[in-house]
């Protein structure tokens, strides 16, 4: 409930409903949003039925319309952009694990890249084929994995195969994102 004055200054109690929708500007530049239409049917009177359950006795149908607006979507800066940037915008944490830590020749190990944060929709993992050290030491599919959303993380898994005998080191894997809050 919210108490607001009308045009004459008389105060009235209103019930205010707020509906929020998050949208994501996929491209920099102008983004038209709306117009937005709202249709609602809400109870104006209730009654109890024979069993004591509450039922709607009367209702009112209302509609509302908000004009559209144009939002200027800013893109991340191009200057100084790292090679490991895949277009992700938001606030994230990044973790890489490999299991098992010992394999026989010809057996794969699973490289898991986990990205935690928001928003996860549209987030792409690192492009492993752009890491020359990894490609030199391991064979793996060059296809881009889709990733699985697990709780508040998106996990990209890929089987990698050591090319040589002996202990192998997985080189550092970088993944960059643009944080619009800190820029």
N, C-alpha and C. Protein backbone atom coordinates (compact mmCIF):
# COMPACT_ATOMS: atom_id res chain seq x y z
N UNK A 1 0.84 -1.19 0.00
CA UNK A 1 0.00 0.00 0.00
C UNK A 1 0.87 1.24 0.00
N UNK A 2 0.38 2.26 -0.64
CA UNK A 2 1.09 3.51 -0.74
C UNK A 2 0.08 4.63 -0.65
N UNK A 3 0.33 5.62 0.20
CA UNK A 3 -0.58 6.76 0.34
C UNK A 3 0.00 7.91 -0.47
N UNK A 4 -0.80 8.37 -1.45
CA UNK A 4 -0.35 9.43 -2.36
C UNK A 4 -1.44 10.49 -2.48
N UNK A 5 -1.03 11.76 -2.65
CA UNK A 5 -2.04 12.80 -2.86
C UNK A 5 -2.48 12.83 -4.32
N UNK A 6 -3.77 13.16 -4.54
CA UNK A 6 -4.23 13.34 -5.91
C UNK A 6 -3.93 14.78 -6.34
N UNK A 7 -4.47 15.20 -7.48
CA UNK A 7 -4.18 16.53 -8.03
C UNK A 7 -4.66 17.65 -7.10
N UNK A 8 -5.66 17.37 -6.26
CA UNK A 8 -6.20 18.39 -5.34
C UNK A 8 -5.54 18.32 -3.96
N UNK A 9 -4.61 17.41 -3.79
CA UNK A 9 -3.92 17.29 -2.51
C UNK A 9 -4.57 16.33 -1.54
N UNK A 10 -5.70 15.74 -1.93
CA UNK A 10 -6.38 14.77 -1.07
C UNK A 10 -5.60 13.46 -1.11
N UNK A 11 -5.33 12.92 0.07
CA UNK A 11 -4.52 11.71 0.15
C UNK A 11 -5.40 10.47 0.02
N UNK A 12 -4.93 9.51 -0.79
CA UNK A 12 -5.64 8.25 -1.03
C UNK A 12 -4.67 7.09 -0.84
N UNK A 13 -5.22 5.95 -0.41
CA UNK A 13 -4.41 4.75 -0.27
C UNK A 13 -4.51 3.96 -1.57
N UNK A 14 -3.35 3.62 -2.11
CA UNK A 14 -3.28 2.84 -3.35
C UNK A 14 -2.53 1.55 -3.07
N UNK A 15 -2.91 0.53 -3.80
CA UNK A 15 -2.13 -0.70 -3.80
C UNK A 15 -1.31 -0.64 -5.08
N UNK A 16 -0.01 -0.69 -4.94
CA UNK A 16 0.89 -0.53 -6.08
C UNK A 16 1.50 -1.89 -6.42
N UNK A 17 1.38 -2.27 -7.69
CA UNK A 17 2.00 -3.49 -8.19
C UNK A 17 3.16 -3.08 -9.07
N UNK A 18 4.30 -3.68 -8.86
CA UNK A 18 5.46 -3.40 -9.69
C UNK A 18 5.87 -4.68 -10.39
N UNK A 19 6.09 -4.56 -11.67
CA UNK A 19 6.54 -5.70 -12.46
C UNK A 19 7.87 -5.29 -13.09
N UNK A 20 8.90 -6.08 -12.84
CA UNK A 20 10.22 -5.78 -13.38
C UNK A 20 10.61 -6.86 -14.36
N UNK A 21 11.25 -6.47 -15.42
CA UNK A 21 11.75 -7.41 -16.42
C UNK A 21 13.16 -6.97 -16.78
N UNK A 22 14.09 -7.87 -16.66
CA UNK A 22 15.47 -7.59 -17.03
C UNK A 22 15.64 -7.94 -18.50
N UNK A 23 16.19 -7.01 -19.24
CA UNK A 23 16.49 -7.29 -20.64
C UNK A 23 17.99 -7.12 -20.83
N UNK A 24 18.48 -7.75 -21.84
CA UNK A 24 19.92 -7.71 -22.10
C UNK A 24 20.13 -7.18 -23.51
N UNK A 25 20.84 -6.07 -23.60
CA UNK A 25 21.18 -5.51 -24.90
C UNK A 25 22.33 -6.30 -25.49
N UNK A 26 22.07 -7.07 -26.51
CA UNK A 26 23.09 -7.92 -27.11
C UNK A 26 24.05 -7.15 -28.01
N UNK A 27 23.62 -5.98 -28.47
CA UNK A 27 24.47 -5.19 -29.36
C UNK A 27 24.50 -3.75 -28.86
N UNK A 28 25.64 -3.10 -29.04
CA UNK A 28 25.77 -1.70 -28.66
C UNK A 28 24.95 -0.85 -29.63
N UNK A 29 24.41 0.25 -29.11
CA UNK A 29 23.61 1.16 -29.92
C UNK A 29 22.22 1.31 -29.37
N UNK A 30 21.34 1.96 -30.12
CA UNK A 30 19.99 2.19 -29.62
C UNK A 30 19.17 0.90 -29.54
N UNK A 31 18.44 0.73 -28.45
CA UNK A 31 17.58 -0.43 -28.24
C UNK A 31 16.19 0.08 -27.90
N UNK A 32 15.23 -0.24 -28.74
CA UNK A 32 13.85 0.20 -28.49
C UNK A 32 13.18 -0.81 -27.57
N UNK A 33 12.57 -0.31 -26.51
CA UNK A 33 11.86 -1.14 -25.55
C UNK A 33 10.42 -0.64 -25.50
N UNK A 34 9.49 -1.52 -25.73
CA UNK A 34 8.09 -1.16 -25.62
C UNK A 34 7.48 -0.82 -26.96
N UNK A 35 6.25 -0.41 -26.94
CA UNK A 35 5.43 -0.11 -25.77
C UNK A 35 5.09 -1.37 -24.98
N UNK A 36 4.70 -1.17 -23.73
CA UNK A 36 4.39 -2.27 -22.83
C UNK A 36 2.89 -2.21 -22.51
N UNK A 37 2.23 -3.34 -22.63
CA UNK A 37 0.81 -3.45 -22.31
C UNK A 37 0.65 -4.34 -21.10
N UNK A 38 -0.25 -3.97 -20.21
CA UNK A 38 -0.51 -4.76 -19.01
C UNK A 38 -2.01 -4.97 -18.92
N UNK A 39 -2.41 -6.20 -18.72
CA UNK A 39 -3.82 -6.54 -18.55
C UNK A 39 -3.92 -7.34 -17.27
N UNK A 40 -4.82 -6.93 -16.39
CA UNK A 40 -4.94 -7.62 -15.10
C UNK A 40 -6.40 -7.74 -14.71
N UNK A 41 -6.71 -8.81 -14.03
CA UNK A 41 -8.03 -8.98 -13.44
C UNK A 41 -7.79 -9.20 -11.95
N UNK A 42 -8.34 -8.30 -11.15
CA UNK A 42 -8.10 -8.43 -9.72
C UNK A 42 -9.44 -8.42 -8.98
N UNK A 43 -9.47 -9.11 -7.83
CA UNK A 43 -10.73 -9.21 -7.08
C UNK A 43 -11.10 -7.87 -6.43
N UNK A 44 -12.40 -7.54 -6.51
CA UNK A 44 -12.91 -6.35 -5.81
C UNK A 44 -13.80 -6.76 -4.64
N UNK A 45 -14.24 -8.02 -4.65
CA UNK A 45 -15.04 -8.54 -3.51
C UNK A 45 -14.81 -10.04 -3.43
N UNK A 46 -14.75 -10.55 -2.20
CA UNK A 46 -14.59 -11.99 -1.98
C UNK A 46 -15.69 -12.48 -1.06
N UNK A 47 -15.91 -13.78 -1.08
CA UNK A 47 -16.92 -14.40 -0.21
C UNK A 47 -16.44 -15.79 0.15
N UNK A 48 -17.01 -16.34 1.17
CA UNK A 48 -16.69 -17.71 1.57
C UNK A 48 -17.75 -18.63 0.98
N UNK A 49 -17.31 -19.77 0.43
CA UNK A 49 -18.27 -20.73 -0.10
C UNK A 49 -18.81 -21.60 1.03
N UNK A 50 -19.59 -22.60 0.71
CA UNK A 50 -20.22 -23.47 1.69
C UNK A 50 -19.20 -24.14 2.61
N UNK A 51 -17.99 -24.42 2.08
CA UNK A 51 -16.95 -25.11 2.84
C UNK A 51 -15.99 -24.14 3.54
N UNK A 52 -16.25 -22.84 3.42
CA UNK A 52 -15.41 -21.86 4.09
C UNK A 52 -14.21 -21.39 3.27
N UNK A 53 -14.12 -21.87 2.02
CA UNK A 53 -13.02 -21.44 1.16
C UNK A 53 -13.33 -20.07 0.57
N UNK A 54 -12.29 -19.26 0.43
CA UNK A 54 -12.47 -17.91 -0.11
C UNK A 54 -12.58 -17.99 -1.63
N UNK A 55 -13.61 -17.32 -2.16
CA UNK A 55 -13.81 -17.26 -3.60
C UNK A 55 -13.96 -15.80 -4.02
N UNK A 56 -13.66 -15.53 -5.26
CA UNK A 56 -13.83 -14.19 -5.80
C UNK A 56 -15.30 -14.01 -6.14
N UNK A 57 -15.92 -12.97 -5.55
CA UNK A 57 -17.32 -12.67 -5.84
C UNK A 57 -17.44 -11.71 -7.01
N UNK A 58 -16.60 -10.73 -7.07
CA UNK A 58 -16.56 -9.76 -8.16
C UNK A 58 -15.11 -9.45 -8.47
N UNK A 59 -14.87 -9.12 -9.73
CA UNK A 59 -13.51 -8.72 -10.11
C UNK A 59 -13.60 -7.60 -11.13
N UNK A 60 -12.48 -6.98 -11.33
CA UNK A 60 -12.40 -5.87 -12.28
C UNK A 60 -11.24 -6.14 -13.23
N UNK A 61 -11.53 -5.89 -14.50
CA UNK A 61 -10.48 -6.04 -15.51
C UNK A 61 -9.94 -4.66 -15.82
N UNK A 62 -8.64 -4.55 -15.79
CA UNK A 62 -7.97 -3.26 -16.06
C UNK A 62 -6.86 -3.47 -17.06
N UNK A 63 -6.61 -2.44 -17.82
CA UNK A 63 -5.49 -2.47 -18.74
C UNK A 63 -4.69 -1.19 -18.58
N UNK A 64 -3.43 -1.27 -18.92
CA UNK A 64 -2.56 -0.10 -18.87
C UNK A 64 -1.56 -0.22 -20.01
N UNK A 65 -1.07 0.93 -20.43
CA UNK A 65 -0.11 0.96 -21.52
C UNK A 65 0.97 1.98 -21.19
N UNK A 66 2.21 1.59 -21.38
CA UNK A 66 3.34 2.51 -21.22
C UNK A 66 3.98 2.68 -22.58
N UNK A 67 4.25 3.90 -22.92
CA UNK A 67 4.87 4.18 -24.21
C UNK A 67 6.27 3.56 -24.27
N UNK A 68 6.74 3.31 -25.46
CA UNK A 68 8.07 2.77 -25.64
C UNK A 68 9.13 3.83 -25.38
N UNK A 69 10.32 3.35 -25.20
CA UNK A 69 11.45 4.25 -24.99
C UNK A 69 12.67 3.66 -25.69
N UNK A 70 13.65 4.49 -25.92
CA UNK A 70 14.88 4.03 -26.54
C UNK A 70 16.01 4.14 -25.51
N UNK A 71 16.72 3.05 -25.36
CA UNK A 71 17.84 3.00 -24.42
C UNK A 71 19.13 2.90 -25.24
N UNK A 72 20.11 3.70 -24.88
CA UNK A 72 21.41 3.63 -25.56
C UNK A 72 22.27 2.59 -24.86
N UNK A 73 22.51 1.49 -25.54
CA UNK A 73 23.30 0.39 -24.98
C UNK A 73 24.77 0.67 -25.28
N UNK A 74 25.55 0.81 -24.21
CA UNK A 74 26.98 1.03 -24.37
C UNK A 74 27.69 -0.31 -24.44
N UNK A 75 28.64 -0.42 -25.35
CA UNK A 75 29.43 -1.64 -25.45
C UNK A 75 30.72 -1.50 -24.66
N UNK A 76 31.39 -2.60 -24.41
CA UNK A 76 32.67 -2.53 -23.72
C UNK A 76 33.70 -1.84 -24.61
N UNK A 77 34.71 -1.23 -24.01
CA UNK A 77 35.72 -0.55 -24.83
C UNK A 77 36.46 -1.53 -25.73
N UNK A 78 36.83 -1.04 -26.89
CA UNK A 78 37.58 -1.86 -27.85
C UNK A 78 39.08 -1.72 -27.59
N UNK A 79 39.49 -0.52 -27.25
CA UNK A 79 40.91 -0.26 -26.99
C UNK A 79 41.36 -1.00 -25.73
N UNK A 80 42.45 -1.72 -25.84
CA UNK A 80 43.00 -2.46 -24.70
C UNK A 80 42.29 -3.76 -24.42
N UNK A 81 41.40 -4.19 -25.30
CA UNK A 81 40.64 -5.42 -25.08
C UNK A 81 41.58 -6.62 -25.15
N UNK A 82 41.60 -7.50 -24.13
CA UNK A 82 42.49 -8.66 -24.15
C UNK A 82 42.03 -9.71 -25.17
N UNK A 83 42.96 -10.52 -25.66
CA UNK A 83 42.64 -11.60 -26.61
C UNK A 83 41.68 -12.62 -26.01
N UNK A 84 41.68 -12.75 -24.69
CA UNK A 84 40.84 -13.76 -24.04
C UNK A 84 39.41 -13.28 -23.81
N UNK A 85 39.05 -12.10 -24.32
CA UNK A 85 37.68 -11.59 -24.17
C UNK A 85 36.77 -12.26 -25.19
N UNK A 86 35.69 -12.90 -24.71
CA UNK A 86 34.74 -13.59 -25.60
C UNK A 86 33.39 -12.90 -25.65
N UNK A 87 33.31 -11.69 -25.08
CA UNK A 87 32.07 -10.93 -25.16
C UNK A 87 31.24 -10.92 -23.88
N UNK A 88 31.69 -11.55 -22.82
CA UNK A 88 30.91 -11.62 -21.59
C UNK A 88 30.95 -10.30 -20.83
N UNK A 89 29.77 -9.88 -20.40
CA UNK A 89 29.63 -8.62 -19.68
C UNK A 89 28.87 -8.91 -18.40
N UNK A 90 29.44 -8.54 -17.26
CA UNK A 90 28.82 -8.78 -15.96
C UNK A 90 29.90 -8.87 -14.91
N UNK A 91 29.59 -9.57 -13.83
CA UNK A 91 30.55 -9.79 -12.74
C UNK A 91 30.69 -11.29 -12.54
N UNK A 92 31.92 -11.78 -12.64
CA UNK A 92 32.14 -13.22 -12.67
C UNK A 92 33.37 -13.63 -11.86
N UNK A 93 33.39 -14.93 -11.52
CA UNK A 93 34.57 -15.60 -10.98
C UNK A 93 34.86 -16.74 -11.94
N UNK A 94 36.13 -17.10 -12.05
CA UNK A 94 36.58 -18.07 -13.05
C UNK A 94 37.44 -19.12 -12.38
N UNK A 95 37.17 -20.41 -12.67
CA UNK A 95 37.95 -21.50 -12.06
C UNK A 95 38.16 -22.60 -13.09
N UNK A 96 39.37 -23.15 -13.12
CA UNK A 96 39.71 -24.24 -14.04
C UNK A 96 40.19 -25.43 -13.21
N UNK A 97 39.66 -26.62 -13.53
CA UNK A 97 40.12 -27.85 -12.88
C UNK A 97 40.33 -28.91 -13.95
N UNK A 98 41.21 -29.87 -13.65
CA UNK A 98 41.46 -30.99 -14.55
C UNK A 98 41.43 -32.27 -13.72
N UNK A 99 40.68 -33.27 -14.20
CA UNK A 99 40.58 -34.54 -13.49
C UNK A 99 40.58 -35.67 -14.49
N UNK A 100 41.15 -36.80 -14.17
CA UNK A 100 42.00 -37.06 -13.02
C UNK A 100 43.37 -36.42 -13.22
N UNK A 101 44.18 -36.46 -12.19
CA UNK A 101 45.50 -35.84 -12.31
C UNK A 101 46.56 -36.83 -12.82
N UNK A 102 46.17 -38.08 -13.03
CA UNK A 102 47.07 -39.08 -13.63
C UNK A 102 46.27 -39.91 -14.63
N UNK A 103 46.82 -40.08 -15.83
CA UNK A 103 46.17 -40.91 -16.85
C UNK A 103 47.22 -41.74 -17.57
N UNK A 104 46.77 -42.83 -18.17
CA UNK A 104 47.63 -43.65 -19.02
C UNK A 104 47.64 -43.04 -20.42
N UNK A 105 48.65 -43.39 -21.21
CA UNK A 105 48.74 -42.85 -22.56
C UNK A 105 47.47 -43.17 -23.33
N UNK A 106 46.96 -42.20 -24.06
CA UNK A 106 45.77 -42.37 -24.88
C UNK A 106 44.47 -42.10 -24.14
N UNK A 107 44.54 -41.98 -22.81
CA UNK A 107 43.35 -41.69 -22.04
C UNK A 107 43.18 -40.18 -21.87
N UNK A 108 41.94 -39.73 -21.89
CA UNK A 108 41.73 -38.29 -21.74
C UNK A 108 41.63 -37.87 -20.28
N UNK A 109 41.82 -36.60 -20.07
CA UNK A 109 41.44 -36.02 -18.80
C UNK A 109 40.40 -34.94 -19.10
N UNK A 110 39.59 -34.64 -18.14
CA UNK A 110 38.51 -33.67 -18.35
C UNK A 110 38.93 -32.32 -17.81
N UNK A 111 38.93 -31.36 -18.70
CA UNK A 111 39.23 -29.98 -18.32
C UNK A 111 37.88 -29.30 -18.11
N UNK A 112 37.65 -28.79 -16.91
CA UNK A 112 36.38 -28.12 -16.59
C UNK A 112 36.66 -26.65 -16.29
N UNK A 113 35.98 -25.80 -17.01
CA UNK A 113 36.08 -24.36 -16.81
C UNK A 113 34.75 -23.91 -16.24
N UNK A 114 34.77 -23.35 -15.03
CA UNK A 114 33.54 -22.92 -14.36
C UNK A 114 33.54 -21.40 -14.27
N UNK A 115 32.45 -20.81 -14.71
CA UNK A 115 32.26 -19.36 -14.64
C UNK A 115 31.07 -19.12 -13.73
N UNK A 116 31.31 -18.39 -12.66
CA UNK A 116 30.27 -18.11 -11.67
C UNK A 116 29.94 -16.63 -11.72
N UNK A 117 28.67 -16.32 -11.64
CA UNK A 117 28.27 -14.92 -11.62
C UNK A 117 26.98 -14.68 -12.36
N UNK A 118 26.80 -13.45 -12.79
CA UNK A 118 25.57 -13.09 -13.48
C UNK A 118 25.83 -11.95 -14.44
N UNK A 119 25.15 -11.95 -15.54
CA UNK A 119 24.22 -12.96 -16.03
C UNK A 119 24.96 -14.07 -16.77
N UNK A 120 24.44 -15.30 -16.67
CA UNK A 120 25.10 -16.44 -17.31
C UNK A 120 24.58 -16.70 -18.72
N UNK A 121 23.39 -16.18 -19.03
CA UNK A 121 22.84 -16.39 -20.38
C UNK A 121 23.78 -15.75 -21.40
N UNK A 122 24.13 -16.51 -22.40
CA UNK A 122 24.99 -16.00 -23.46
C UNK A 122 26.47 -16.01 -23.16
N UNK A 123 26.87 -16.43 -21.97
CA UNK A 123 28.29 -16.44 -21.61
C UNK A 123 28.99 -17.56 -22.37
N UNK A 124 30.09 -17.20 -23.01
CA UNK A 124 30.92 -18.18 -23.73
C UNK A 124 32.19 -18.42 -22.92
N UNK A 125 32.63 -19.65 -22.90
CA UNK A 125 33.86 -19.98 -22.19
C UNK A 125 35.08 -19.55 -22.99
N UNK A 126 36.26 -19.81 -22.45
CA UNK A 126 37.48 -19.42 -23.16
C UNK A 126 37.65 -20.22 -24.45
N UNK A 127 38.26 -19.59 -25.43
CA UNK A 127 38.56 -20.26 -26.70
C UNK A 127 39.91 -20.96 -26.53
N UNK A 128 39.86 -22.25 -26.21
CA UNK A 128 41.08 -23.00 -25.92
C UNK A 128 41.99 -23.12 -27.13
N UNK A 129 41.43 -23.07 -28.32
CA UNK A 129 42.26 -23.19 -29.52
C UNK A 129 43.16 -21.97 -29.71
N UNK A 130 42.90 -20.89 -28.96
CA UNK A 130 43.74 -19.68 -29.06
C UNK A 130 44.88 -19.70 -28.03
N UNK A 131 45.06 -20.83 -27.34
CA UNK A 131 46.14 -20.96 -26.37
C UNK A 131 47.18 -21.90 -26.99
N UNK A 132 48.22 -21.35 -27.63
CA UNK A 132 49.18 -22.19 -28.37
C UNK A 132 49.84 -23.25 -27.50
N UNK A 133 50.15 -22.93 -26.26
CA UNK A 133 50.81 -23.89 -25.36
C UNK A 133 49.92 -25.10 -25.10
N UNK A 134 48.61 -24.88 -24.95
CA UNK A 134 47.68 -25.97 -24.71
C UNK A 134 47.58 -26.85 -25.97
N UNK A 135 47.45 -26.22 -27.13
CA UNK A 135 47.36 -26.97 -28.40
C UNK A 135 48.64 -27.75 -28.68
N UNK A 136 49.78 -27.24 -28.23
CA UNK A 136 51.05 -27.94 -28.46
C UNK A 136 51.17 -29.19 -27.59
N UNK A 137 50.59 -29.18 -26.41
CA UNK A 137 50.74 -30.28 -25.46
C UNK A 137 49.57 -31.27 -25.45
N UNK A 138 48.39 -30.82 -25.91
CA UNK A 138 47.19 -31.65 -25.79
C UNK A 138 46.38 -31.60 -27.09
N UNK A 139 45.72 -32.73 -27.39
CA UNK A 139 44.75 -32.79 -28.48
C UNK A 139 43.36 -32.61 -27.87
N UNK A 140 42.52 -31.88 -28.55
CA UNK A 140 41.13 -31.70 -28.10
C UNK A 140 40.30 -31.21 -29.27
N UNK A 141 39.01 -31.38 -29.14
CA UNK A 141 38.08 -30.92 -30.17
C UNK A 141 38.11 -29.40 -30.23
N UNK A 142 38.10 -28.87 -31.43
CA UNK A 142 38.12 -27.42 -31.60
C UNK A 142 36.71 -26.83 -31.54
N UNK A 143 35.69 -27.70 -31.46
CA UNK A 143 34.31 -27.21 -31.34
C UNK A 143 34.14 -26.48 -30.02
N UNK A 144 33.35 -25.42 -30.05
CA UNK A 144 33.11 -24.64 -28.83
C UNK A 144 32.05 -25.34 -27.99
N UNK A 145 32.37 -25.73 -26.75
CA UNK A 145 31.36 -26.37 -25.91
C UNK A 145 30.28 -25.38 -25.50
N UNK A 146 29.06 -25.87 -25.33
CA UNK A 146 27.92 -25.03 -25.00
C UNK A 146 27.95 -24.63 -23.52
N UNK A 147 28.29 -25.54 -22.66
CA UNK A 147 28.31 -25.25 -21.22
C UNK A 147 27.00 -25.64 -20.57
N UNK A 148 27.09 -26.11 -19.34
CA UNK A 148 25.92 -26.51 -18.56
C UNK A 148 25.77 -25.56 -17.38
N UNK A 149 24.56 -25.07 -17.16
CA UNK A 149 24.32 -24.21 -16.00
C UNK A 149 24.02 -25.10 -14.81
N UNK A 150 24.84 -24.95 -13.77
CA UNK A 150 24.72 -25.72 -12.54
C UNK A 150 24.71 -24.72 -11.39
N UNK A 151 23.56 -24.56 -10.76
CA UNK A 151 23.36 -23.56 -9.70
C UNK A 151 23.65 -22.17 -10.29
N UNK A 152 24.60 -21.46 -9.74
CA UNK A 152 24.90 -20.10 -10.24
C UNK A 152 26.19 -20.08 -11.05
N UNK A 153 26.52 -21.21 -11.70
CA UNK A 153 27.73 -21.28 -12.51
C UNK A 153 27.42 -21.92 -13.87
N UNK A 154 28.25 -21.59 -14.82
CA UNK A 154 28.18 -22.24 -16.13
C UNK A 154 29.49 -23.00 -16.28
N UNK A 155 29.38 -24.29 -16.53
CA UNK A 155 30.56 -25.15 -16.58
C UNK A 155 30.74 -25.69 -18.00
N UNK A 156 31.96 -25.47 -18.54
CA UNK A 156 32.34 -25.96 -19.86
C UNK A 156 33.32 -27.10 -19.65
N UNK A 157 32.97 -28.28 -20.15
CA UNK A 157 33.84 -29.45 -19.99
C UNK A 157 34.36 -29.89 -21.36
N UNK A 158 35.64 -30.28 -21.36
CA UNK A 158 36.23 -30.73 -22.61
C UNK A 158 37.25 -31.82 -22.29
N UNK A 159 37.21 -32.90 -23.08
CA UNK A 159 38.22 -33.95 -22.95
C UNK A 159 39.47 -33.49 -23.68
N UNK A 160 40.60 -33.59 -22.97
CA UNK A 160 41.89 -33.25 -23.60
C UNK A 160 42.80 -34.48 -23.47
N UNK A 161 43.61 -34.71 -24.51
CA UNK A 161 44.47 -35.89 -24.57
C UNK A 161 45.92 -35.46 -24.61
N UNK A 162 46.74 -35.90 -23.63
CA UNK A 162 48.17 -35.55 -23.68
C UNK A 162 48.81 -36.11 -24.95
N UNK A 163 49.69 -35.32 -25.56
CA UNK A 163 50.37 -35.74 -26.79
C UNK A 163 51.66 -36.51 -26.50
N UNK A 164 52.20 -36.40 -25.26
CA UNK A 164 53.49 -37.01 -24.94
C UNK A 164 53.39 -37.81 -23.65
N UNK A 165 54.39 -38.71 -23.46
CA UNK A 165 54.53 -39.44 -22.20
C UNK A 165 55.00 -38.49 -21.11
N UNK A 166 54.84 -38.90 -19.88
CA UNK A 166 55.41 -38.18 -18.75
C UNK A 166 54.48 -37.11 -18.20
N UNK A 167 55.01 -36.44 -17.19
CA UNK A 167 54.23 -35.38 -16.55
C UNK A 167 53.97 -34.24 -17.53
N UNK A 168 52.75 -33.79 -17.56
CA UNK A 168 52.35 -32.68 -18.41
C UNK A 168 51.76 -31.58 -17.54
N UNK A 169 51.99 -30.38 -17.94
CA UNK A 169 51.43 -29.23 -17.22
C UNK A 169 50.42 -28.55 -18.13
N UNK A 170 49.26 -28.30 -17.58
CA UNK A 170 48.27 -27.54 -18.33
C UNK A 170 48.65 -26.07 -18.17
N UNK A 171 48.84 -25.37 -19.27
CA UNK A 171 49.26 -23.97 -19.18
C UNK A 171 48.14 -23.10 -18.61
N UNK A 172 48.47 -21.90 -18.18
CA UNK A 172 47.42 -21.00 -17.67
C UNK A 172 46.35 -20.75 -18.73
N UNK A 173 45.12 -20.73 -18.28
CA UNK A 173 43.99 -20.47 -19.17
C UNK A 173 43.36 -19.16 -18.74
N UNK A 174 43.35 -18.21 -19.65
CA UNK A 174 42.81 -16.88 -19.34
C UNK A 174 41.41 -16.75 -19.93
N UNK A 175 40.56 -16.01 -19.23
CA UNK A 175 39.22 -15.68 -19.71
C UNK A 175 38.91 -14.30 -19.17
N UNK A 176 38.53 -13.41 -20.04
CA UNK A 176 38.29 -12.03 -19.65
C UNK A 176 36.82 -11.68 -19.83
N UNK A 177 36.36 -10.75 -19.00
CA UNK A 177 35.00 -10.24 -19.10
C UNK A 177 35.04 -8.75 -18.81
N UNK A 178 34.00 -8.07 -19.20
CA UNK A 178 33.90 -6.64 -18.93
C UNK A 178 32.91 -6.44 -17.80
N UNK A 179 33.35 -5.76 -16.73
CA UNK A 179 32.50 -5.44 -15.60
C UNK A 179 31.99 -4.01 -15.77
N UNK A 180 30.72 -3.83 -16.12
CA UNK A 180 30.21 -2.49 -16.37
C UNK A 180 30.17 -1.60 -15.13
N UNK A 181 30.14 -2.23 -13.94
CA UNK A 181 30.11 -1.41 -12.71
C UNK A 181 31.45 -0.74 -12.43
N UNK A 182 32.52 -1.49 -12.61
CA UNK A 182 33.84 -0.92 -12.35
C UNK A 182 34.51 -0.41 -13.63
N UNK A 183 33.95 -0.79 -14.79
CA UNK A 183 34.50 -0.46 -16.10
C UNK A 183 35.95 -0.88 -16.21
